Amino acid sequence: MRTMLVILSAAVLGLGIYSITLHNDKENLERTVHAQYTEKLTDASEKLSYLQRAVSQSLLFQDETAVHNELDTIWRLSSDVRSSISNLPIDEEMASQWLGYLGRLGEEAKQTAKTGDYIAWREKMPKISTNLQALSEEWTNATTDFYKQDGKVDVWMKHVASKEPNTSFDNVKKSLKDYGESDFPLTLSESDWQKKVELEALQDSLITEKEALEKVKTLFPMIKDATFTVTKSNDSAPYPFYHVQFHQGIRLGYADLTEKGGHLLSYLVERPVDEAKLSQDQVIKKAEEHLKKLDITDVAFVESRENHLAWHVTFARVNPSDKALIYADGVQLKIAKDTGELLGANTMEYIQAETIKPQTAKPIDWNTFFQDDVRVEEVKKIYTDNGQFDQRLCYQVIAVRGGKTSETFRVVIDAENHNVLKVEYLS
């Protein structure tokens, strides 16, 4: 009996020591995290202050070299502040607004330095400088809340996530939204892009949960006898859709369909995959068959890549007027290497159909466009984004440079003005 008491006492003592150790480890971890967040907050506050000063200083000079130096500083600091803020556990919506605002400011500085349109910069920046000063002060006040918690990260996290109005961070969020809309109003291209992302072009009638389920069974008859669960997207989603989960034997997965018209957004199946039995050509043929079953018939093959379980096959919509591939209207399929079963589909980009403006492809003499030791292996017409939300008709060129030790490049060239938009090293 005495031996048992000794063992029990030792166990209780051991548990007590273990509990104290865990508590100390937890406190040490919290102190470490607190120190990291303190450093990030301080860093963001300081750089934000420097950024505001740089914007003000850019309005001092007539000298183009001096202005250009400040523009370079603004572009660099806006990127630095974005990096600091992206590593903080702050409200997701506010973080997104911060990153968007700073990104637009940095891009504005970069484009001004490139175009030399300093008059437009001087007209726009006084207001932005004032707003940025207000944002900097509000952000500094908000971060003071963190320091008041005396290292208690969980308390501060609850405070940041709080939905109560009139907190310091709520003030920052409101100001960011107001300034973002007034300082950097959306261009026509950006507005069109936003509408495209939110699927505003869809004019189909709304479908019910039951209709969404029946649509999934029709598109994928292999799982028609599965056990299903259907839920609708929450209010914060960019557009309403149905999430249909299923389980059938070894298969587990889901399909997402838009509420407007029941268009397939994505499909994914998890199941064991046996040894590969199909060739690459057979896989591509299987992928094309799956596309027909999904009623996607206006696309063409782009590329295929494999891993140890599946092939990932990419297609793009073909523009009917000039037969050029619209890369932004892509479809990606995941094909099992053993049977060719469709394991995944992503048709989001395909549904967000681009509006293509009429453009003229002007011929290029490749012998004078490239160096003498470069040979053109392939030329394909495509549409791709020029970085300003505009789809440009381009030549996609596979070019090889050199002889025995050759290098291969993919070059994308605007077909109308012959600007090089992208160069990619292939091998």
Protein backbone atom coordinates (compact mmCIF):
# COMPACT_ATOMS: atom_id res chain seq x y z
CA MET A 1 0.00 0.00 0.00
CA ARG A 2 2.79 2.36 0.94
CA THR A 3 4.55 1.54 -2.33
CA MET A 4 1.38 2.40 -4.25
CA LEU A 5 1.10 5.74 -2.43
CA VAL A 6 4.69 6.52 -3.30
CA ILE A 7 4.06 5.69 -6.97
CA LEU A 8 0.87 7.78 -7.02
CA SER A 9 2.61 10.70 -5.31
CA ALA A 10 5.44 10.52 -7.82
CA ALA A 11 2.94 10.42 -10.68
CA VAL A 12 1.05 13.45 -9.34
CA LEU A 13 4.32 15.30 -8.83
CA GLY A 14 5.44 14.37 -12.34
CA LEU A 15 2.18 15.58 -13.82
CA GLY A 16 2.50 18.80 -11.87
CA ILE A 17 6.01 19.38 -13.16
CA TYR A 18 4.88 18.47 -16.69
CA SER A 19 1.95 20.92 -16.40
CA ILE A 20 4.23 23.68 -15.16
CA THR A 21 6.66 22.96 -18.01
CA LEU A 22 3.85 23.13 -20.57
CA HIS A 23 2.60 26.37 -19.03
CA ASN A 24 6.07 27.87 -19.15
CA ASP A 25 6.57 26.68 -22.73
CA LYS A 26 3.24 28.25 -23.69
CA GLU A 27 4.19 31.54 -22.04
CA ASN A 28 7.61 31.48 -23.74
CA LEU A 29 5.94 30.84 -27.11
CA GLU A 30 3.46 33.66 -26.55
CA ARG A 31 6.28 36.02 -25.61
CA THR A 32 8.15 35.04 -28.78
CA VAL A 33 5.06 35.55 -30.94
CA HIS A 34 4.33 38.84 -29.16
CA ALA A 35 7.86 40.03 -29.87
CA GLN A 36 7.56 39.08 -33.55
CA TYR A 37 4.23 40.88 -33.93
CA THR A 38 5.58 43.90 -32.09
CA GLU A 39 8.49 44.03 -34.51
CA LYS A 40 6.21 43.69 -37.54
CA LEU A 41 3.78 46.33 -36.29
CA THR A 42 6.59 48.74 -35.51
CA ASP A 43 8.18 48.04 -38.89
CA ALA A 44 4.89 48.65 -40.72
CA SER A 45 4.26 51.89 -38.80
CA GLU A 46 7.74 53.25 -39.52
CA LYS A 47 7.69 52.35 -43.22
CA LEU A 48 4.18 53.74 -43.60
CA SER A 49 5.43 57.04 -42.18
CA TYR A 50 8.41 57.00 -44.57
CA LEU A 51 6.06 56.24 -47.46
CA GLN A 52 3.87 59.23 -46.68
CA ARG A 53 6.95 61.45 -46.55
CA ALA A 54 8.17 60.12 -49.89
CA VAL A 55 4.81 60.95 -51.49
CA SER A 56 5.01 64.50 -50.10
CA GLN A 57 8.63 64.86 -51.20
CA SER A 58 7.76 63.81 -54.75
CA LEU A 59 5.67 67.01 -54.98
CA LEU A 60 8.63 69.25 -54.18
CA PHE A 61 10.59 69.02 -57.42
CA GLN A 62 10.37 70.14 -61.00
CA ASP A 63 13.60 68.29 -61.75
CA GLU A 64 12.70 64.95 -63.37
CA THR A 65 15.66 63.08 -61.89
CA ALA A 66 14.71 64.13 -58.36
CA VAL A 67 11.06 63.18 -58.91
CA HIS A 68 12.11 59.85 -60.40
CA ASN A 69 14.18 59.03 -57.30
CA GLU A 70 11.17 59.64 -55.05
CA LEU A 71 8.96 57.53 -57.30
CA ASP A 72 11.41 54.66 -56.98
CA THR A 73 11.36 55.06 -53.18
CA ILE A 74 7.54 55.05 -53.14
CA TRP A 75 7.39 51.88 -55.23
CA ARG A 76 9.93 50.12 -52.96
CA LEU A 77 8.36 51.27 -49.67
CA SER A 78 4.83 50.38 -50.76
CA SER A 79 6.08 46.84 -51.44
CA ASP A 80 7.87 46.72 -48.06
CA VAL A 81 4.78 47.86 -46.13
CA ARG A 82 2.66 45.30 -47.98
CA SER A 83 5.10 42.60 -46.92
CA SER A 84 5.01 43.68 -43.26
CA ILE A 85 1.20 43.91 -43.13
CA SER A 86 0.67 40.59 -44.92
CA ASN A 87 2.49 38.81 -42.07
CA LEU A 88 0.21 40.21 -39.35
CA PRO A 89 -2.88 38.42 -37.96
CA ILE A 90 -5.22 41.32 -38.66
CA ASP A 91 -8.77 41.33 -39.97
CA GLU A 92 -8.78 39.68 -43.41
CA GLU A 93 -10.92 42.35 -45.07
CA MET A 94 -8.73 45.15 -43.74
CA ALA A 95 -5.56 43.33 -44.80
CA SER A 96 -6.99 42.96 -48.30
CA GLN A 97 -7.86 46.67 -48.43
CA TRP A 98 -4.39 47.62 -47.19
CA LEU A 99 -2.65 45.44 -49.77
CA GLY A 100 -4.88 46.79 -52.52
CA TYR A 101 -4.35 50.45 -51.58
CA LEU A 102 -0.58 50.14 -51.24
CA GLY A 103 -0.38 48.07 -54.42
CA ARG A 104 -2.23 50.74 -56.40
CA LEU A 105 0.02 53.48 -54.99
CA GLY A 106 3.18 51.54 -55.86
CA GLU A 107 1.91 50.72 -59.35
CA GLU A 108 0.98 54.40 -59.90
CA ALA A 109 4.54 55.41 -59.00
CA LYS A 110 6.02 52.71 -61.23
CA GLN A 111 3.87 53.69 -64.22
CA THR A 112 4.60 57.41 -63.75
CA ALA A 113 8.33 56.72 -63.73
CA LYS A 114 7.87 54.68 -66.90
CA THR A 115 5.66 57.14 -68.82
CA GLY A 116 7.09 60.39 -67.43
CA ASP A 117 3.59 61.84 -66.92
CA TYR A 118 4.60 63.93 -63.90
CA ILE A 119 1.81 66.47 -64.43
CA ALA A 120 -0.87 63.85 -63.73
CA TRP A 121 1.11 62.68 -60.68
CA ARG A 122 1.31 66.20 -59.24
CA GLU A 123 -2.43 66.70 -59.72
CA LYS A 124 -3.36 63.46 -57.99
CA MET A 125 -0.88 63.10 -55.14
CA PRO A 126 -1.66 66.06 -52.81
CA LYS A 127 -4.96 64.47 -51.82
CA ILE A 128 -3.40 61.01 -51.52
CA SER A 129 -0.57 62.43 -49.40
CA THR A 130 -3.13 63.91 -46.97
CA ASN A 131 -5.12 60.69 -46.83
CA LEU A 132 -1.98 58.62 -46.35
CA GLN A 133 -0.99 60.86 -43.44
CA ALA A 134 -4.38 60.22 -41.80
CA LEU A 135 -4.06 56.46 -42.42
CA SER A 136 -0.57 56.45 -40.92
CA GLU A 137 -1.79 58.19 -37.75
CA GLU A 138 -4.81 55.88 -37.41
CA TRP A 139 -2.64 52.82 -37.91
CA THR A 140 -0.23 54.01 -35.21
CA ASN A 141 -3.15 54.51 -32.82
CA ALA A 142 -4.51 51.06 -33.64
CA THR A 143 -1.21 49.31 -32.97
CA THR A 144 -1.14 50.90 -29.52
CA ASP A 145 -3.92 48.45 -28.61
CA PHE A 146 -1.46 45.62 -29.12
CA TYR A 147 1.10 47.10 -26.74
CA LYS A 148 -1.57 47.58 -24.06
CA GLN A 149 -2.09 43.81 -23.85
CA ASP A 150 1.32 43.35 -22.18
CA GLY A 151 2.26 40.29 -24.18
CA LYS A 152 -1.11 38.52 -24.01
CA VAL A 153 -1.47 37.55 -27.64
CA ASP A 154 -4.80 35.76 -27.20
CA VAL A 155 -6.38 38.90 -25.74
CA TRP A 156 -5.10 41.05 -28.58
CA MET A 157 -6.23 38.52 -31.20
CA LYS A 158 -9.76 38.59 -29.77
CA HIS A 159 -9.67 42.36 -29.86
CA VAL A 160 -8.55 42.41 -33.49
CA ALA A 161 -11.28 39.93 -34.46
CA SER A 162 -13.92 41.85 -32.55
CA LYS A 163 -16.95 43.04 -34.49
CA GLU A 164 -17.62 45.88 -32.07
CA PRO A 165 -17.74 49.29 -33.80
CA ASN A 166 -15.48 52.26 -33.14
CA THR A 167 -12.33 50.30 -32.32
CA SER A 168 -9.07 51.69 -33.65
CA PHE A 169 -8.81 48.97 -36.28
CA ASP A 170 -12.41 49.55 -37.38
CA ASN A 171 -11.51 53.19 -37.98
CA VAL A 172 -8.54 52.15 -40.12
CA LYS A 173 -10.72 49.76 -42.11
CA LYS A 174 -13.37 52.42 -42.79
CA SER A 175 -10.78 55.00 -43.81
CA LEU A 176 -9.06 52.51 -46.10
CA LYS A 177 -12.33 51.72 -47.85
CA ASP A 178 -13.20 55.41 -48.30
CA TYR A 179 -9.73 56.48 -49.43
CA GLY A 180 -9.31 53.45 -51.67
CA GLU A 181 -12.48 54.28 -53.59
CA SER A 182 -11.73 58.01 -53.85
CA ASP A 183 -7.93 57.95 -54.37
CA PHE A 184 -7.81 55.08 -56.85
CA PRO A 185 -11.17 54.76 -58.62
CA LEU A 186 -11.44 51.68 -60.82
CA THR A 187 -10.59 52.13 -64.47
CA LEU A 188 -13.01 50.82 -67.06
CA SER A 189 -10.83 47.73 -67.57
CA GLU A 190 -10.60 47.08 -63.82
CA SER A 191 -14.34 47.53 -63.43
CA ASP A 192 -14.96 45.04 -66.23
CA TRP A 193 -12.52 42.63 -64.60
CA GLN A 194 -14.30 42.93 -61.23
CA LYS A 195 -17.66 42.25 -62.87
CA LYS A 196 -16.15 39.24 -64.61
CA VAL A 197 -14.80 37.83 -61.33
CA GLU A 198 -18.20 38.24 -59.70
CA LEU A 199 -19.92 36.47 -62.62
CA GLU A 200 -22.23 39.43 -63.24
CA ALA A 201 -22.55 38.44 -66.89
CA LEU A 202 -24.51 35.31 -65.98
CA GLN A 203 -28.17 35.95 -66.77
CA ASP A 204 -29.49 32.43 -66.16
CA SER A 205 -32.37 31.63 -63.83
CA LEU A 206 -31.63 30.58 -60.26
CA ILE A 207 -31.62 26.87 -59.49
CA THR A 208 -32.58 25.14 -56.23
CA GLU A 209 -30.46 22.81 -54.09
CA LYS A 210 -32.41 19.87 -55.49
CA GLU A 211 -31.72 21.00 -59.06
CA ALA A 212 -28.02 21.45 -58.24
CA LEU A 213 -27.89 17.87 -56.94
CA GLU A 214 -29.61 16.51 -60.05
CA LYS A 215 -27.18 18.46 -62.24
CA VAL A 216 -24.22 16.82 -60.48
CA LYS A 217 -25.73 13.36 -60.95
CA THR A 218 -26.27 14.11 -64.66
CA LEU A 219 -22.75 15.42 -65.24
CA PHE A 220 -21.09 12.62 -63.27
CA PRO A 221 -23.25 9.47 -63.55
CA MET A 222 -20.51 7.37 -61.93
CA ILE A 223 -21.43 8.90 -58.53
CA LYS A 224 -25.21 9.15 -58.99
CA ASP A 225 -25.78 6.60 -56.17
CA ALA A 226 -23.42 8.31 -53.71
CA THR A 227 -24.38 9.87 -50.40
CA PHE A 228 -24.71 13.63 -50.94
CA THR A 229 -24.71 16.77 -48.80
CA VAL A 230 -25.67 20.10 -50.38
CA THR A 231 -24.89 23.48 -48.82
CA LYS A 232 -25.08 27.03 -50.13
CA SER A 233 -22.24 29.55 -50.06
CA ASN A 234 -22.19 32.17 -47.32
CA ASP A 235 -23.02 35.84 -47.82
CA SER A 236 -19.35 36.87 -48.06
CA ALA A 237 -18.78 34.80 -51.23
CA PRO A 238 -18.28 36.89 -54.43
CA TYR A 239 -21.27 35.09 -55.97
CA PRO A 240 -23.79 32.47 -54.76
CA PHE A 241 -23.00 28.80 -55.46
CA TYR A 242 -23.90 25.32 -54.23
CA HIS A 243 -21.29 23.05 -52.63
CA VAL A 244 -22.24 19.40 -53.24
CA GLN A 245 -20.21 16.87 -51.23
CA PHE A 246 -20.42 13.15 -51.96
CA HIS A 247 -19.13 9.81 -50.69
CA GLN A 248 -19.37 6.55 -52.60
CA GLY A 249 -17.23 3.55 -51.71
CA ILE A 250 -13.59 4.52 -52.22
CA ARG A 251 -14.56 7.89 -53.71
CA LEU A 252 -14.83 11.08 -51.68
CA GLY A 253 -15.22 14.52 -53.22
CA TYR A 254 -17.28 17.57 -54.08
CA ALA A 255 -18.65 19.68 -56.92
CA ASP A 256 -19.41 23.42 -56.88
CA LEU A 257 -22.13 24.88 -59.13
CA THR A 258 -23.29 28.47 -59.60
CA GLU A 259 -26.75 29.32 -58.30
CA LYS A 260 -27.36 31.16 -61.59
CA GLY A 261 -27.84 28.44 -64.16
CA GLY A 262 -26.05 25.65 -62.29
CA HIS A 263 -22.74 26.06 -64.16
CA LEU A 264 -19.98 23.76 -62.94
CA LEU A 265 -17.19 25.68 -61.18
CA SER A 266 -15.05 22.84 -59.86
CA TYR A 267 -15.04 19.10 -59.26
CA LEU A 268 -12.66 16.97 -57.20
CA VAL A 269 -12.49 13.25 -56.37
CA GLU A 270 -10.14 11.50 -53.98
CA ARG A 271 -9.60 7.77 -54.48
CA PRO A 272 -6.70 5.29 -54.62
CA VAL A 273 -4.99 5.27 -58.02
CA ASP A 274 -3.41 2.07 -59.38
CA GLU A 275 -0.38 1.69 -61.62
CA ALA A 276 -0.39 3.83 -64.76
CA LYS A 277 -1.84 2.07 -67.78
CA LEU A 278 -2.59 4.89 -70.23
CA SER A 279 -0.23 6.72 -72.56
CA GLN A 280 -0.13 10.52 -72.78
CA ASP A 281 -2.08 10.47 -76.05
CA GLN A 282 -4.74 8.21 -74.52
CA VAL A 283 -5.04 10.54 -71.52
CA ILE A 284 -5.55 13.60 -73.77
CA LYS A 285 -8.21 11.71 -75.74
CA LYS A 286 -9.94 10.79 -72.46
CA ALA A 287 -9.79 14.44 -71.39
CA GLU A 288 -11.45 15.55 -74.62
CA GLU A 289 -14.21 12.97 -74.08
CA HIS A 290 -14.82 14.32 -70.56
CA LEU A 291 -15.07 17.86 -71.93
CA LYS A 292 -17.82 16.78 -74.34
CA LYS A 293 -19.75 15.24 -71.46
CA LEU A 294 -19.43 18.57 -69.62
CA ASP A 295 -20.73 20.31 -72.78
CA ILE A 296 -17.48 22.23 -73.27
CA THR A 297 -16.85 22.07 -76.99
CA ASP A 298 -15.23 25.40 -77.94
CA VAL A 299 -11.77 24.78 -76.46
CA ALA A 300 -8.44 23.44 -77.72
CA PHE A 301 -5.59 21.56 -76.05
CA VAL A 302 -2.81 23.69 -74.54
CA GLU A 303 -0.54 21.43 -72.47
CA SER A 304 -0.39 18.39 -70.20
CA ARG A 305 1.73 17.59 -67.16
CA GLU A 306 1.90 14.48 -65.00
CA ASN A 307 2.66 13.43 -61.45
CA HIS A 308 2.74 9.94 -59.93
CA LEU A 309 -1.08 9.74 -59.71
CA ALA A 310 -2.61 11.76 -62.52
CA TRP A 311 -2.25 13.88 -65.64
CA HIS A 312 -3.20 17.56 -65.47
CA VAL A 313 -4.48 18.62 -68.88
CA THR A 314 -5.14 22.26 -69.80
CA PHE A 315 -7.45 23.61 -72.51
CA ALA A 316 -8.33 27.18 -73.59
CA ARG A 317 -11.30 28.68 -75.37
CA VAL A 318 -10.86 29.29 -79.10
CA ASN A 319 -11.89 32.76 -80.27
CA PRO A 320 -14.30 32.08 -83.17
CA SER A 321 -13.27 35.11 -85.23
CA ASP A 322 -9.53 34.40 -85.56
CA LYS A 323 -9.09 30.93 -83.95
CA ALA A 324 -6.63 32.34 -81.40
CA LEU A 325 -6.51 30.70 -77.97
CA ILE A 326 -7.88 32.79 -75.09
CA TYR A 327 -5.63 31.64 -72.24
CA ALA A 328 -7.70 33.49 -69.63
CA ASP A 329 -10.71 31.30 -70.52
CA GLY A 330 -9.00 28.11 -69.46
CA VAL A 331 -10.22 24.68 -68.34
CA GLN A 332 -8.04 22.35 -66.28
CA LEU A 333 -8.77 18.63 -65.92
CA LYS A 334 -7.19 16.01 -63.66
CA ILE A 335 -7.18 12.55 -65.29
CA ALA A 336 -6.38 9.30 -63.43
CA LYS A 337 -3.37 7.48 -64.90
CA ASP A 338 -4.88 4.04 -64.36
CA THR A 339 -8.37 4.28 -65.94
CA GLY A 340 -8.67 7.79 -67.37
CA GLU A 341 -11.38 8.70 -64.85
CA LEU A 342 -12.01 12.38 -64.33
CA LEU A 343 -10.61 13.16 -60.88
CA GLY A 344 -10.86 16.92 -61.05
CA ALA A 345 -12.07 19.85 -63.12
CA ASN A 346 -11.62 23.60 -62.78
CA THR A 347 -13.90 25.59 -65.09
CA MET A 348 -13.94 28.85 -63.14
CA GLU A 349 -11.95 30.79 -65.75
CA TYR A 350 -14.03 29.34 -68.56
CA ILE A 351 -17.23 30.65 -66.97
CA GLN A 352 -15.65 34.08 -66.43
CA ALA A 353 -15.61 34.54 -70.20
CA GLU A 354 -13.45 37.40 -71.49
CA THR A 355 -14.76 40.14 -73.74
CA ILE A 356 -12.39 40.29 -76.69
CA LYS A 357 -11.98 43.63 -78.47
CA PRO A 358 -11.26 43.64 -82.24
CA GLN A 359 -7.53 43.72 -82.90
CA THR A 360 -5.36 43.40 -85.99
CA ALA A 361 -2.41 41.04 -86.20
CA LYS A 362 0.41 42.72 -88.10
CA PRO A 363 2.99 40.33 -89.57
CA ILE A 364 6.51 40.16 -88.17
CA ASP A 365 9.67 39.30 -90.10
CA TRP A 366 11.26 36.86 -87.63
CA ASN A 367 14.61 37.07 -89.45
CA THR A 368 14.94 40.73 -88.45
CA PHE A 369 13.06 40.52 -85.14
CA PHE A 370 15.44 37.93 -83.62
CA GLN A 371 19.21 37.56 -83.75
CA ASP A 372 20.82 35.53 -86.54
CA ASP A 373 21.46 32.51 -84.29
CA VAL A 374 17.77 32.21 -83.31
CA ARG A 375 15.37 29.97 -85.19
CA VAL A 376 11.59 30.04 -84.80
CA GLU A 377 10.14 26.59 -84.13
CA GLU A 378 6.48 27.45 -83.67
CA VAL A 379 4.16 30.46 -83.87
CA LYS A 380 0.69 30.44 -82.35
CA LYS A 381 -1.90 33.20 -81.97
CA ILE A 382 -3.15 33.68 -78.43
CA TYR A 383 -4.89 36.25 -76.24
CA THR A 384 -3.25 37.13 -72.95
CA ASP A 385 -3.43 39.84 -70.28
CA ASN A 386 -1.07 42.77 -70.76
CA GLY A 387 -0.99 43.53 -67.01
CA GLN A 388 -3.70 46.18 -67.27
CA PHE A 389 -6.72 43.83 -67.47
CA ASP A 390 -6.79 44.04 -71.28
CA GLN A 391 -6.71 40.89 -73.40
CA ARG A 392 -4.22 41.44 -76.21
CA LEU A 393 -3.87 39.41 -79.39
CA CYS A 394 -0.33 38.07 -79.38
CA TYR A 395 2.08 35.82 -81.18
CA GLN A 396 3.35 33.02 -78.94
CA VAL A 397 6.71 32.01 -80.35
CA ILE A 398 8.84 29.01 -79.44
CA ALA A 399 12.36 30.20 -80.28
CA VAL A 400 15.63 28.25 -80.09
CA ARG A 401 18.96 30.02 -79.76
CA GLY A 402 22.34 28.45 -80.49
CA GLY A 403 23.58 25.20 -81.97
CA LYS A 404 24.71 22.14 -80.01
CA THR A 405 24.21 23.87 -76.65
CA SER A 406 20.89 25.40 -77.62
CA GLU A 407 18.40 27.16 -75.36
CA THR A 408 14.63 27.24 -75.88
CA PHE A 409 12.36 30.18 -75.02
CA ARG A 410 8.67 30.98 -75.14
CA VAL A 411 8.22 34.60 -76.27
CA VAL A 412 4.87 36.41 -76.18
CA ILE A 413 4.68 39.42 -78.55
CA ASP A 414 1.78 41.83 -78.98
CA ALA A 415 0.53 41.13 -82.51
CA GLU A 416 -0.55 44.73 -83.14
CA ASN A 417 2.30 46.86 -81.78
CA HIS A 418 5.00 44.13 -81.54
CA ASN A 419 5.84 44.85 -77.89
CA VAL A 420 7.37 41.86 -76.09
CA LEU A 421 5.05 41.05 -73.16
CA LYS A 422 6.77 37.97 -71.77
CA VAL A 423 9.88 35.83 -72.20
CA GLU A 424 9.99 32.41 -70.54
CA TYR A 425 13.05 30.17 -70.45
CA LEU A 426 12.03 26.58 -71.24
CA SER A 427 15.25 24.61 -71.47
